[in-house]
C-alpha atoms as a PDB file:
ATOM      1  CA  UNK A   1       8.235-116.206  -4.017  1.00  0.00           C
ATOM      2  CA  UNK A   2      10.193-112.988  -4.458  1.00  0.00           C
ATOM      3  CA  UNK A   3       9.319-112.941  -8.173  1.00  0.00           C
ATOM      4  CA  UNK A   4       5.597-113.257  -7.376  1.00  0.00           C
ATOM      5  CA  UNK A   5       5.832-110.440  -4.830  1.00  0.00           C
ATOM      6  CA  UNK A   6       7.693-108.294  -7.365  1.00  0.00           C
ATOM      7  CA  UNK A   7       5.074-108.938 -10.067  1.00  0.00           C
ATOM      8  CA  UNK A   8       2.272-108.163  -7.604  1.00  0.00           C
ATOM      9  CA  UNK A   9       3.941-104.903  -6.547  1.00  0.00           C
ATOM     10  CA  UNK A  10       4.461-103.980 -10.183  1.00  0.00           C
ATOM     11  CA  UNK A  11       0.759-104.592 -10.930  1.00  0.00           C
ATOM     12  CA  UNK A  12      -0.276-102.467  -7.956  1.00  0.00           C
ATOM     13  CA  UNK A  13       2.063 -99.688  -9.064  1.00  0.00           C
ATOM     14  CA  UNK A  14       0.595 -99.758 -12.579  1.00  0.00           C
ATOM     15  CA  UNK A  15      -2.959 -99.694 -11.223  1.00  0.00           C
ATOM     16  CA  UNK A  16      -2.149 -96.725  -8.996  1.00  0.00           C
ATOM     17  CA  UNK A  17      -0.522 -94.945 -11.938  1.00  0.00           C
ATOM     18  CA  UNK A  18      -3.570 -95.531 -14.155  1.00  0.00           C
ATOM     19  CA  UNK A  19      -5.937 -94.238 -11.457  1.00  0.00           C
ATOM     20  CA  UNK A  20      -3.724 -91.191 -10.953  1.00  0.00           C
ATOM     21  CA  UNK A  21      -3.770 -90.481 -14.694  1.00  0.00           C
ATOM     22  CA  UNK A  22      -7.562 -90.800 -14.812  1.00  0.00           C
ATOM     23  CA  UNK A  23      -7.977 -88.458 -11.853  1.00  0.00           C
ATOM     24  CA  UNK A  24      -5.588 -85.966 -13.403  1.00  0.00           C
ATOM     25  CA  UNK A  25      -7.433 -86.115 -16.713  1.00  0.00           C
ATOM     26  CA  UNK A  26     -10.885 -85.602 -15.162  1.00  0.00           C
ATOM     27  CA  UNK A  27     -10.537 -81.829 -14.593  1.00  0.00           C
ATOM     28  CA  UNK A  28      -9.175 -81.446 -18.115  1.00  0.00           C
ATOM     29  CA  UNK A  29     -12.176 -83.293 -19.553  1.00  0.00           C
ATOM     30  CA  UNK A  30     -14.547 -81.170 -17.473  1.00  0.00           C
ATOM     31  CA  UNK A  31     -12.827 -77.973 -18.587  1.00  0.00           C
ATOM     32  CA  UNK A  32     -13.117 -79.032 -22.220  1.00  0.00           C
ATOM     33  CA  UNK A  33     -16.801 -79.967 -22.097  1.00  0.00           C
ATOM     34  CA  UNK A  34     -18.891 -78.082 -24.619  1.00  0.00           C
ATOM     35  CA  UNK A  35     -20.981 -75.172 -23.327  1.00  0.00           C
ATOM     36  CA  UNK A  36     -24.707 -75.669 -22.838  1.00  0.00           C
ATOM     37  CA  UNK A  37     -27.423 -73.010 -22.972  1.00  0.00           C
ATOM     38  CA  UNK A  38     -30.396 -73.448 -20.635  1.00  0.00           C
ATOM     39  CA  UNK A  39     -32.005 -70.000 -20.582  1.00  0.00           C
ATOM     40  CA  UNK A  40     -31.642 -66.597 -22.280  1.00  0.00           C
ATOM     41  CA  UNK A  41     -33.025 -63.476 -20.564  1.00  0.00           C
ATOM     42  CA  UNK A  42     -34.399 -61.482 -22.254  1.00  0.00           C
ATOM     43  CA  UNK A  43     -35.018 -63.810 -25.214  1.00  0.00           C
ATOM     44  CA  UNK A  44     -35.745 -60.865 -27.523  1.00  0.00           C
ATOM     45  CA  UNK A  45     -35.468 -57.086 -27.778  1.00  0.00           C
ATOM     46  CA  UNK A  46     -37.019 -54.355 -29.901  1.00  0.00           C
ATOM     47  CA  UNK A  47     -35.374 -52.530 -32.765  1.00  0.00           C
ATOM     48  CA  UNK A  48     -35.264 -48.798 -32.092  1.00  0.00           C
ATOM     49  CA  UNK A  49     -35.692 -49.204 -28.323  1.00  0.00           C
ATOM     50  CA  UNK A  50     -34.372 -46.441 -26.070  1.00  0.00           C
ATOM     51  CA  UNK A  51     -32.343 -49.049 -24.142  1.00  0.00           C
ATOM     52  CA  UNK A  52     -29.648 -50.092 -26.569  1.00  0.00           C
ATOM     53  CA  UNK A  53     -27.358 -51.985 -26.004  1.00  0.00           C
ATOM     54  CA  UNK A  54     -29.322 -54.389 -23.823  1.00  0.00           C
ATOM     55  CA  UNK A  55     -27.696 -56.724 -21.315  1.00  0.00           C
ATOM     56  CA  UNK A  56     -28.459 -60.399 -21.871  1.00  0.00           C
ATOM     57  CA  UNK A  57     -28.116 -63.038 -19.155  1.00  0.00           C
ATOM     58  CA  UNK A  58     -27.411 -66.585 -20.322  1.00  0.00           C
ATOM     59  CA  UNK A  59     -27.809 -69.476 -17.881  1.00  0.00           C
ATOM     60  CA  UNK A  60     -26.074 -72.690 -18.807  1.00  0.00           C
ATOM     61  CA  UNK A  61     -23.191 -75.035 -18.129  1.00  0.00           C
ATOM     62  CA  UNK A  62     -19.478 -74.975 -18.934  1.00  0.00           C
ATOM     63  CA  UNK A  63     -19.483 -71.266 -19.806  1.00  0.00           C
ATOM     64  CA  UNK A  64     -16.097 -70.464 -18.233  1.00  0.00           C
ATOM     65  CA  UNK A  65     -13.756 -68.547 -20.526  1.00  0.00           C
ATOM     66  CA  UNK A  66     -16.466 -67.982 -23.120  1.00  0.00           C
ATOM     67  CA  UNK A  67     -16.471 -65.397 -25.839  1.00  0.00           C
ATOM     68  CA  UNK A  68     -19.624 -64.474 -27.746  1.00  0.00           C
ATOM     69  CA  UNK A  69     -20.252 -63.790 -31.412  1.00  0.00           C
ATOM     70  CA  UNK A  70     -23.489 -62.271 -32.708  1.00  0.00           C
ATOM     71  CA  UNK A  71     -25.014 -64.232 -35.573  1.00  0.00           C
ATOM     72  CA  UNK A  72     -27.314 -62.447 -37.992  1.00  0.00           C
ATOM     73  CA  UNK A  73     -27.545 -58.969 -39.445  1.00  0.00           C
ATOM     74  CA  UNK A  74     -28.181 -55.937 -37.277  1.00  0.00           C
ATOM     75  CA  UNK A  75     -26.884 -57.514 -34.072  1.00  0.00           C
ATOM     76  CA  UNK A  76     -23.457 -57.095 -32.500  1.00  0.00           C
ATOM     77  CA  UNK A  77     -21.712 -57.710 -29.199  1.00  0.00           C
ATOM     78  CA  UNK A  78     -21.064 -54.389 -27.457  1.00  0.00           C
ATOM     79  CA  UNK A  79     -18.567 -54.811 -24.660  1.00  0.00           C
ATOM     80  CA  UNK A  80     -16.730 -57.506 -22.734  1.00  0.00           C
ATOM     81  CA  UNK A  81     -18.316 -60.819 -21.793  1.00  0.00           C
ATOM     82  CA  UNK A  82     -18.527 -61.599 -18.078  1.00  0.00           C
ATOM     83  CA  UNK A  83     -18.897 -65.136 -16.704  1.00  0.00           C
ATOM     84  CA  UNK A  84     -19.478 -66.001 -13.050  1.00  0.00           C
ATOM     85  CA  UNK A  85     -17.036 -68.119 -11.058  1.00  0.00           C
ATOM     86  CA  UNK A  86     -18.954 -71.384 -11.488  1.00  0.00           C
ATOM     87  CA  UNK A  87     -19.346 -70.955 -15.249  1.00  0.00           C
ATOM     88  CA  UNK A  88     -23.135 -71.190 -14.984  1.00  0.00           C
ATOM     89  CA  UNK A  89     -24.040 -67.619 -16.000  1.00  0.00           C
ATOM     90  CA  UNK A  90     -22.809 -65.298 -18.702  1.00  0.00           C
ATOM     91  CA  UNK A  91     -23.498 -61.577 -19.139  1.00  0.00           C
ATOM     92  CA  UNK A  92     -23.176 -59.966 -22.555  1.00  0.00           C
ATOM     93  CA  UNK A  93     -24.318 -56.596 -23.909  1.00  0.00           C
ATOM     94  CA  UNK A  94     -25.762 -56.696 -27.411  1.00  0.00           C
ATOM     95  CA  UNK A  95     -26.556 -53.738 -29.644  1.00  0.00           C
ATOM     96  CA  UNK A  96     -29.285 -53.666 -32.275  1.00  0.00           C
ATOM     97  CA  UNK A  97     -28.699 -51.536 -35.350  1.00  0.00           C
ATOM     98  CA  UNK A  98     -31.256 -48.851 -36.216  1.00  0.00           C
ATOM     99  CA  UNK A  99     -33.695 -50.249 -38.722  1.00  0.00           C
ATOM    100  CA  UNK A 100     -32.657 -53.863 -38.096  1.00  0.00           C
ATOM    101  CA  UNK A 101     -35.133 -56.281 -39.629  1.00  0.00           C
ATOM    102  CA  UNK A 102     -37.220 -58.236 -37.112  1.00  0.00           C
ATOM    103  CA  UNK A 103     -36.550 -61.934 -36.906  1.00  0.00           C
ATOM    104  CA  UNK A 104     -34.500 -64.656 -35.231  1.00  0.00           C
ATOM    105  CA  UNK A 105     -30.805 -64.214 -34.528  1.00  0.00           C
ATOM    106  CA  UNK A 106     -28.413 -66.049 -32.232  1.00  0.00           C
ATOM    107  CA  UNK A 107     -25.489 -65.519 -29.918  1.00  0.00           C
ATOM    108  CA  UNK A 108     -22.757 -68.084 -30.448  1.00  0.00           C
ATOM    109  CA  UNK A 109     -20.991 -68.955 -27.201  1.00  0.00           C
ATOM    110  CA  UNK A 110     -17.494 -70.272 -27.824  1.00  0.00           C
ATOM    111  CA  UNK A 111     -15.159 -71.953 -25.326  1.00  0.00           C
ATOM    112  CA  UNK A 112     -12.190 -74.288 -25.600  1.00  0.00           C
ATOM    113  CA  UNK A 113     -14.609 -77.185 -25.315  1.00  0.00           C
ATOM    114  CA  UNK A 114     -16.795 -76.190 -28.246  1.00  0.00           C
ATOM    115  CA  UNK A 115     -19.672 -73.858 -28.992  1.00  0.00           C
ATOM    116  CA  UNK A 116     -23.407 -73.476 -28.476  1.00  0.00           C
ATOM    117  CA  UNK A 117     -25.974 -71.077 -29.903  1.00  0.00           C
ATOM    118  CA  UNK A 118     -28.260 -69.024 -27.683  1.00  0.00           C
ATOM    119  CA  UNK A 119     -31.441 -68.080 -29.539  1.00  0.00           C
ATOM    120  CA  UNK A 120     -32.230 -64.359 -29.613  1.00  0.00           C
ATOM    121  CA  UNK A 121     -34.802 -62.419 -31.589  1.00  0.00           C
ATOM    122  CA  UNK A 122     -35.062 -58.849 -32.805  1.00  0.00           C
ATOM    123  CA  UNK A 123     -38.679 -57.776 -32.441  1.00  0.00           C
ATOM    124  CA  UNK A 124     -40.502 -55.093 -34.407  1.00  0.00           C
ATOM    125  CA  UNK A 125     -41.257 -51.941 -32.394  1.00  0.00           C
ATOM    126  CA  UNK A 126     -44.782 -51.775 -31.043  1.00  0.00           C
ATOM    127  CA  UNK A 127     -46.971 -49.051 -32.546  1.00  0.00           C
ATOM    128  CA  UNK A 128     -47.102 -46.191 -30.067  1.00  0.00           C
ATOM    129  CA  UNK A 129     -50.644 -45.096 -30.860  1.00  0.00           C
ATOM    130  CA  UNK A 130     -52.850 -45.937 -27.902  1.00  0.00           C
ATOM    131  CA  UNK A 131     -49.910 -47.304 -25.882  1.00  0.00           C
ATOM    132  CA  UNK A 132     -47.358 -46.148 -23.304  1.00  0.00           C
ATOM    133  CA  UNK A 133     -49.574 -43.357 -22.011  1.00  0.00           C
ATOM    134  CA  UNK A 134     -48.848 -43.720 -18.321  1.00  0.00           C
ATOM    135  CA  UNK A 135     -51.471 -43.044 -15.675  1.00  0.00           C
ATOM    136  CA  UNK A 136     -52.573 -39.934 -13.826  1.00  0.00           C
ATOM    137  CA  UNK A 137     -55.029 -38.840 -11.146  1.00  0.00           C
ATOM    138  CA  UNK A 138     -57.932 -38.963 -13.588  1.00  0.00           C
ATOM    139  CA  UNK A 139     -57.544 -42.705 -14.177  1.00  0.00           C
ATOM    140  CA  UNK A 140     -59.814 -45.235 -12.482  1.00  0.00           C
ATOM    141  CA  UNK A 141     -57.658 -48.255 -11.601  1.00  0.00           C
ATOM    142  CA  UNK A 142     -59.062 -51.727 -11.046  1.00  0.00           C
ATOM    143  CA  UNK A 143     -56.693 -54.114  -9.248  1.00  0.00           C
ATOM    144  CA  UNK A 144     -57.365 -57.761  -9.987  1.00  0.00           C
ATOM    145  CA  UNK A 145     -55.785 -61.122  -9.272  1.00  0.00           C
ATOM    146  CA  UNK A 146     -56.186 -63.251 -12.420  1.00  0.00           C
ATOM    147  CA  UNK A 147     -56.685 -66.501 -10.489  1.00  0.00           C
ATOM    148  CA  UNK A 148     -59.526 -65.024  -8.412  1.00  0.00           C
ATOM    149  CA  UNK A 149     -61.224 -62.818 -10.995  1.00  0.00           C
ATOM    150  CA  UNK A 150     -62.971 -64.955 -13.610  1.00  0.00           C
ATOM    151  CA  UNK A 151     -62.507 -68.441 -15.080  1.00  0.00           C
ATOM    152  CA  UNK A 152     -62.826 -68.080 -18.837  1.00  0.00           C
ATOM    153  CA  UNK A 153     -60.997 -71.259 -19.882  1.00  0.00           C
ATOM    154  CA  UNK A 154     -61.519 -74.409 -17.825  1.00  0.00           C
ATOM    155  CA  UNK A 155     -58.991 -76.330 -19.946  1.00  0.00           C
ATOM    156  CA  UNK A 156     -56.114 -74.698 -18.039  1.00  0.00           C
ATOM    157  CA  UNK A 157     -57.546 -75.296 -14.560  1.00  0.00           C
ATOM    158  CA  UNK A 158     -55.368 -78.370 -13.990  1.00  0.00           C
ATOM    159  CA  UNK A 159     -52.561 -78.220 -16.591  1.00  0.00           C
ATOM    160  CA  UNK A 160     -50.583 -81.405 -17.359  1.00  0.00           C
ATOM    161  CA  UNK A 161     -47.297 -79.855 -16.241  1.00  0.00           C
ATOM    162  CA  UNK A 162     -48.558 -78.773 -12.829  1.00  0.00           C
ATOM    163  CA  UNK A 163     -51.434 -81.009 -11.863  1.00  0.00           C
ATOM    164  CA  UNK A 164     -53.087 -81.085  -8.471  1.00  0.00           C
ATOM    165  CA  UNK A 165     -52.799 -77.394  -7.605  1.00  0.00           C
ATOM    166  CA  UNK A 166     -56.466 -76.466  -8.193  1.00  0.00           C
ATOM    167  CA  UNK A 167     -58.776 -76.709  -5.189  1.00  0.00           C
ATOM    168  CA  UNK A 168     -61.437 -74.053  -4.656  1.00  0.00           C
ATOM    169  CA  UNK A 169     -62.056 -75.340  -1.126  1.00  0.00           C
ATOM    170  CA  UNK A 170     -58.550 -74.254  -0.100  1.00  0.00           C
ATOM    171  CA  UNK A 171     -57.760 -70.573   0.143  1.00  0.00           C
ATOM    172  CA  UNK A 172     -54.117 -70.877  -0.899  1.00  0.00           C
ATOM    173  CA  UNK A 173     -54.620 -73.131  -3.932  1.00  0.00           C
ATOM    174  CA  UNK A 174     -55.483 -72.113  -7.497  1.00  0.00           C
ATOM    175  CA  UNK A 175     -59.166 -71.355  -8.068  1.00  0.00           C
ATOM    176  CA  UNK A 176     -59.258 -71.285 -11.876  1.00  0.00           C
ATOM    177  CA  UNK A 177     -59.214 -67.636 -12.948  1.00  0.00           C
ATOM    178  CA  UNK A 178     -57.202 -66.815 -16.063  1.00  0.00           C
ATOM    179  CA  UNK A 179     -56.449 -64.276 -18.790  1.00  0.00           C
ATOM    180  CA  UNK A 180     -59.385 -65.478 -20.894  1.00  0.00           C
ATOM    181  CA  UNK A 181     -61.578 -64.627 -17.934  1.00  0.00           C
ATOM    182  CA  UNK A 182     -60.149 -61.099 -17.912  1.00  0.00           C
ATOM    183  CA  UNK A 183     -60.755 -60.754 -21.662  1.00  0.00           C
ATOM    184  CA  UNK A 184     -64.372 -61.843 -21.255  1.00  0.00           C
ATOM    185  CA  UNK A 185     -64.960 -59.206 -18.564  1.00  0.00           C
ATOM    186  CA  UNK A 186     -63.342 -56.241 -20.331  1.00  0.00           C
ATOM    187  CA  UNK A 187     -66.711 -54.840 -21.513  1.00  0.00           C
ATOM    188  CA  UNK A 188     -67.982 -55.100 -17.923  1.00  0.00           C
ATOM    189  CA  UNK A 189     -64.933 -53.211 -16.653  1.00  0.00           C
ATOM    190  CA  UNK A 190     -65.452 -50.578 -19.348  1.00  0.00           C
ATOM    191  CA  UNK A 191     -69.065 -50.132 -18.225  1.00  0.00           C
ATOM    192  CA  UNK A 192     -67.861 -49.632 -14.656  1.00  0.00           C
ATOM    193  CA  UNK A 193     -65.820 -46.667 -15.824  1.00  0.00           C
ATOM    194  CA  UNK A 194     -62.463 -48.390 -15.371  1.00  0.00           C
ATOM    195  CA  UNK A 195     -59.674 -46.791 -17.421  1.00  0.00           C
ATOM    196  CA  UNK A 196     -56.760 -48.999 -16.288  1.00  0.00           C
ATOM    197  CA  UNK A 197     -56.466 -52.557 -14.994  1.00  0.00           C
ATOM    198  CA  UNK A 198     -53.604 -53.560 -12.732  1.00  0.00           C
ATOM    199  CA  UNK A 199     -53.017 -57.307 -12.726  1.00  0.00           C
ATOM    200  CA  UNK A 200     -51.081 -59.409 -10.248  1.00  0.00           C
ATOM    201  CA  UNK A 201     -48.013 -61.000 -11.903  1.00  0.00           C
ATOM    202  CA  UNK A 202     -48.854 -63.359 -14.737  1.00  0.00           C
ATOM    203  CA  UNK A 203     -45.362 -64.770 -15.236  1.00  0.00           C
ATOM    204  CA  UNK A 204     -44.599 -68.448 -14.743  1.00  0.00           C
ATOM    205  CA  UNK A 205     -44.711 -69.720 -11.170  1.00  0.00           C
ATOM    206  CA  UNK A 206     -43.681 -72.941  -9.474  1.00  0.00           C
ATOM    207  CA  UNK A 207     -45.266 -76.080 -10.954  1.00  0.00           C
ATOM    208  CA  UNK A 208     -45.731 -77.910  -7.658  1.00  0.00           C
ATOM    209  CA  UNK A 209     -46.728 -77.223  -4.087  1.00  0.00           C
ATOM    210  CA  UNK A 210     -44.633 -74.627  -2.316  1.00  0.00           C
ATOM    211  CA  UNK A 211     -43.134 -76.455   0.658  1.00  0.00           C
ATOM    212  CA  UNK A 212     -40.748 -73.635   1.589  1.00  0.00           C
ATOM    213  CA  UNK A 213     -43.272 -70.887   2.324  1.00  0.00           C
ATOM    214  CA  UNK A 214     -45.836 -72.487   4.647  1.00  0.00           C
ATOM    215  CA  UNK A 215     -47.568 -69.675   6.581  1.00  0.00           C
ATOM    216  CA  UNK A 216     -50.000 -72.084   8.248  1.00  0.00           C
ATOM    217  CA  UNK A 217     -47.647 -75.033   8.453  1.00  0.00           C
ATOM    218  CA  UNK A 218     -49.021 -76.534   5.230  1.00  0.00           C
ATOM    219  CA  UNK A 219     -47.798 -76.382   1.613  1.00  0.00           C
ATOM    220  CA  UNK A 220     -49.422 -73.728  -0.553  1.00  0.00           C
ATOM    221  CA  UNK A 221     -49.464 -72.757  -4.228  1.00  0.00           C
ATOM    222  CA  UNK A 222     -48.243 -69.562  -5.869  1.00  0.00           C
ATOM    223  CA  UNK A 223     -51.708 -68.667  -7.212  1.00  0.00           C
ATOM    224  CA  UNK A 224     -51.003 -64.993  -6.398  1.00  0.00           C
ATOM    225  CA  UNK A 225     -48.279 -64.829  -9.057  1.00  0.00           C
ATOM    226  CA  UNK A 226     -45.349 -63.744  -6.895  1.00  0.00           C
ATOM    227  CA  UNK A 227     -43.549 -67.109  -6.863  1.00  0.00           C
ATOM    228  CA  UNK A 228     -41.786 -66.481 -10.167  1.00  0.00           C
ATOM    229  CA  UNK A 229     -39.538 -69.110 -11.711  1.00  0.00           C
ATOM    230  CA  UNK A 230     -39.474 -67.470 -15.164  1.00  0.00           C
ATOM    231  CA  UNK A 231     -40.030 -63.754 -15.748  1.00  0.00           C
ATOM    232  CA  UNK A 232     -40.341 -64.266 -19.516  1.00  0.00           C
ATOM    233  CA  UNK A 233     -43.162 -66.806 -19.610  1.00  0.00           C
ATOM    234  CA  UNK A 234     -46.871 -66.816 -18.760  1.00  0.00           C
ATOM    235  CA  UNK A 235     -48.053 -69.243 -16.093  1.00  0.00           C
ATOM    236  CA  UNK A 236     -49.915 -72.159 -17.647  1.00  0.00           C
ATOM    237  CA  UNK A 237     -52.825 -71.700 -15.217  1.00  0.00           C
ATOM    238  CA  UNK A 238     -53.464 -68.266 -16.743  1.00  0.00           C
ATOM    239  CA  UNK A 239     -52.857 -68.892 -20.448  1.00  0.00           C
ATOM    240  CA  UNK A 240     -49.927 -68.254 -22.756  1.00  0.00           C
ATOM    241  CA  UNK A 241     -48.102 -65.391 -24.445  1.00  0.00           C
ATOM    242  CA  UNK A 242     -50.587 -65.274 -27.324  1.00  0.00           C
ATOM    243  CA  UNK A 243     -53.496 -64.898 -24.905  1.00  0.00           C
ATOM    244  CA  UNK A 244     -51.633 -62.200 -22.990  1.00  0.00           C
ATOM    245  CA  UNK A 245     -51.158 -60.224 -26.214  1.00  0.00           C
ATOM    246  CA  UNK A 246     -54.842 -60.674 -27.021  1.00  0.00           C
ATOM    247  CA  UNK A 247     -55.839 -59.363 -23.595  1.00  0.00           C
ATOM    248  CA  UNK A 248     -53.640 -56.275 -23.918  1.00  0.00           C
ATOM    249  CA  UNK A 249     -54.811 -55.521 -27.469  1.00  0.00           C
ATOM    250  CA  UNK A 250     -58.497 -55.877 -26.598  1.00  0.00           C
ATOM    251  CA  UNK A 251     -58.107 -53.760 -23.480  1.00  0.00           C
ATOM    252  CA  UNK A 252     -56.428 -51.026 -25.504  1.00  0.00           C
ATOM    253  CA  UNK A 253     -59.171 -51.240 -28.125  1.00  0.00           C
ATOM    254  CA  UNK A 254     -61.644 -50.346 -25.365  1.00  0.00           C
ATOM    255  CA  UNK A 255     -59.474 -47.509 -24.104  1.00  0.00           C
ATOM    256  CA  UNK A 256     -58.350 -49.462 -21.031  1.00  0.00           C
ATOM    257  CA  UNK A 257     -54.703 -49.280 -20.011  1.00  0.00           C
ATOM    258  CA  UNK A 258     -52.891 -52.367 -18.717  1.00  0.00           C
ATOM    259  CA  UNK A 259     -50.446 -52.219 -15.816  1.00  0.00           C
ATOM    260  CA  UNK A 260     -48.128 -55.163 -15.251  1.00  0.00           C
ATOM    261  CA  UNK A 261     -47.237 -55.896 -11.640  1.00  0.00           C
ATOM    262  CA  UNK A 262     -43.547 -56.420 -12.365  1.00  0.00           C
ATOM    263  CA  UNK A 263     -41.696 -57.182  -9.134  1.00  0.00           C
ATOM    264  CA  UNK A 264     -38.038 -57.036 -10.083  1.00  0.00           C
ATOM    265  CA  UNK A 265     -36.544 -57.213  -6.605  1.00  0.00           C
ATOM    266  CA  UNK A 266     -37.591 -60.737  -5.633  1.00  0.00           C
ATOM    267  CA  UNK A 267     -38.391 -64.157  -7.047  1.00  0.00           C
ATOM    268  CA  UNK A 268     -40.133 -67.294  -5.887  1.00  0.00           C
ATOM    269  CA  UNK A 269     -38.122 -69.676  -3.683  1.00  0.00           C
ATOM    270  CA  UNK A 270     -37.906 -72.233  -6.512  1.00  0.00           C
ATOM    271  CA  UNK A 271     -36.375 -69.904  -9.090  1.00  0.00           C
ATOM    272  CA  UNK A 272     -33.035 -71.297 -10.398  1.00  0.00           C
ATOM    273  CA  UNK A 273     -31.301 -68.144  -9.138  1.00  0.00           C
ATOM    274  CA  UNK A 274     -31.989 -69.072  -5.513  1.00  0.00           C
ATOM    275  CA  UNK A 275     -29.719 -72.127  -5.494  1.00  0.00           C
ATOM    276  CA  UNK A 276     -27.289 -70.815  -8.097  1.00  0.00           C
ATOM    277  CA  UNK A 277     -27.189 -67.019  -8.126  1.00  0.00           C
ATOM    278  CA  UNK A 278     -25.586 -65.280 -11.122  1.00  0.00           C
ATOM    279  CA  UNK A 279     -23.368 -63.199  -8.794  1.00  0.00           C
ATOM    280  CA  UNK A 280     -22.487 -63.363  -5.071  1.00  0.00           C
ATOM    281  CA  UNK A 281     -24.498 -60.184  -4.400  1.00  0.00           C
ATOM    282  CA  UNK A 282     -27.540 -61.078  -6.510  1.00  0.00           C
ATOM    283  CA  UNK A 283     -29.602 -61.498  -3.332  1.00  0.00           C
ATOM    284  CA  UNK A 284     -29.296 -60.048   0.142  1.00  0.00           C
ATOM    285  CA  UNK A 285     -27.783 -63.183   1.641  1.00  0.00           C
ATOM    286  CA  UNK A 286     -28.565 -66.744   0.621  1.00  0.00           C
ATOM    287  CA  UNK A 287     -31.388 -69.186   1.245  1.00  0.00           C
ATOM    288  CA  UNK A 288     -29.312 -70.727   4.031  1.00  0.00           C
ATOM    289  CA  UNK A 289     -28.009 -67.453   5.479  1.00  0.00           C
ATOM    290  CA  UNK A 290     -30.274 -64.399   5.462  1.00  0.00           C
ATOM    291  CA  UNK A 291     -32.281 -62.141   7.742  1.00  0.00           C
ATOM    292  CA  UNK A 292     -36.072 -62.327   7.832  1.00  0.00           C
ATOM    293  CA  UNK A 293     -38.467 -59.560   6.844  1.00  0.00           C
ATOM    294  CA  UNK A 294     -40.571 -58.181   9.718  1.00  0.00           C
ATOM    295  CA  UNK A 295     -43.294 -56.424   7.654  1.00  0.00           C
ATOM    296  CA  UNK A 296     -43.017 -53.220   9.705  1.00  0.00           C
ATOM    297  CA  UNK A 297     -43.102 -51.192   6.498  1.00  0.00           C
ATOM    298  CA  UNK A 298     -44.433 -48.065   8.176  1.00  0.00           C
ATOM    299  CA  UNK A 299     -40.956 -47.369   9.593  1.00  0.00           C
ATOM    300  CA  UNK A 300     -39.670 -46.618   6.080  1.00  0.00           C
ATOM    301  CA  UNK A 301     -41.172 -43.141   6.394  1.00  0.00           C
ATOM    302  CA  UNK A 302     -39.716 -42.593   9.853  1.00  0.00           C
ATOM    303  CA  UNK A 303     -36.435 -40.720   9.575  1.00  0.00           C
ATOM    304  CA  UNK A 304     -35.704 -41.566  13.206  1.00  0.00           C
ATOM    305  CA  UNK A 305     -36.110 -45.338  12.780  1.00  0.00           C
ATOM    306  CA  UNK A 306     -32.945 -47.123  13.980  1.00  0.00           C
ATOM    307  CA  UNK A 307     -30.891 -49.163  11.463  1.00  0.00           C
ATOM    308  CA  UNK A 308     -31.645 -52.454  13.235  1.00  0.00           C
ATOM    309  CA  UNK A 309     -35.352 -51.863  12.547  1.00  0.00           C
ATOM    310  CA  UNK A 310     -34.873 -50.648   8.972  1.00  0.00           C
ATOM    311  CA  UNK A 311     -32.535 -53.390   7.767  1.00  0.00           C
ATOM    312  CA  UNK A 312     -35.002 -56.318   7.945  1.00  0.00           C
ATOM    313  CA  UNK A 313     -37.506 -54.266   5.939  1.00  0.00           C
ATOM    314  CA  UNK A 314     -35.003 -53.387   3.217  1.00  0.00           C
ATOM    315  CA  UNK A 315     -32.862 -56.540   3.096  1.00  0.00           C
ATOM    316  CA  UNK A 316     -34.953 -59.267   4.718  1.00  0.00           C
ATOM    317  CA  UNK A 317     -36.405 -62.364   3.084  1.00  0.00           C
ATOM    318  CA  UNK A 318     -40.076 -63.203   3.520  1.00  0.00           C
ATOM    319  CA  UNK A 319     -40.187 -66.986   3.371  1.00  0.00           C
END
């Protein structure tokens, strides 16, 4: 009887020891997992640009302790690499040599667990003739919302990746306008005397109903363009990068300037940054803990406005 009890106790002790070893090894395995690259922002930069070096943000997994090597001619790492506490974001400054040939390069991210390549491209400088002119008081601006302006391509009305968001009977759903529709109407805008068009954001928005911002108690879509989930992509309801380039080129050919509504100080509520911010101070607060915007923007010009009135305007979230 005593021998059986002894053998049983020995077996239990061994089992506990094995479990303890497995638990102890788990953090080591996690720490040694190979890095993964999910997103590179910006994915490219121009040779000869006035901003050089440029800071690149890499979103991924297992980036803790990473170092970065530039792969390809004309590209080098310029400064220390910074990784956030969770190992999900990496900041690196890269410099492009004068006269670097356009084409694909990469940034090799190296950790104890392995390596991964982040694609990066050096882009040829854009010709300056007819571009980068700015605007002045003589310009005639035409503000347009691509989704509500003109439907030039019905094939992107209900894209496969974000189906069910088009409904012209609902004011806060997509209605079908797109970049092809803008291209088709450029001669009309020229005849009106327009010298510059200012478009609502065209970057990629959420691919499903927005159930966080519900102004009337019902889900809405981000047809307006301000629900960004990717600042370096064109929303599939509007077209693609090739169509965007075509629109800009054809507008310039008619002497029409193009203004991008680039809102750098906020994203859509479904952007990956919202749940996993690159730094603790990336946003004013968090999705779970923030103050709300009150829309009393007129107080910004009032030098006597009290701080408790100003703060929601400057730091508040409008969800």
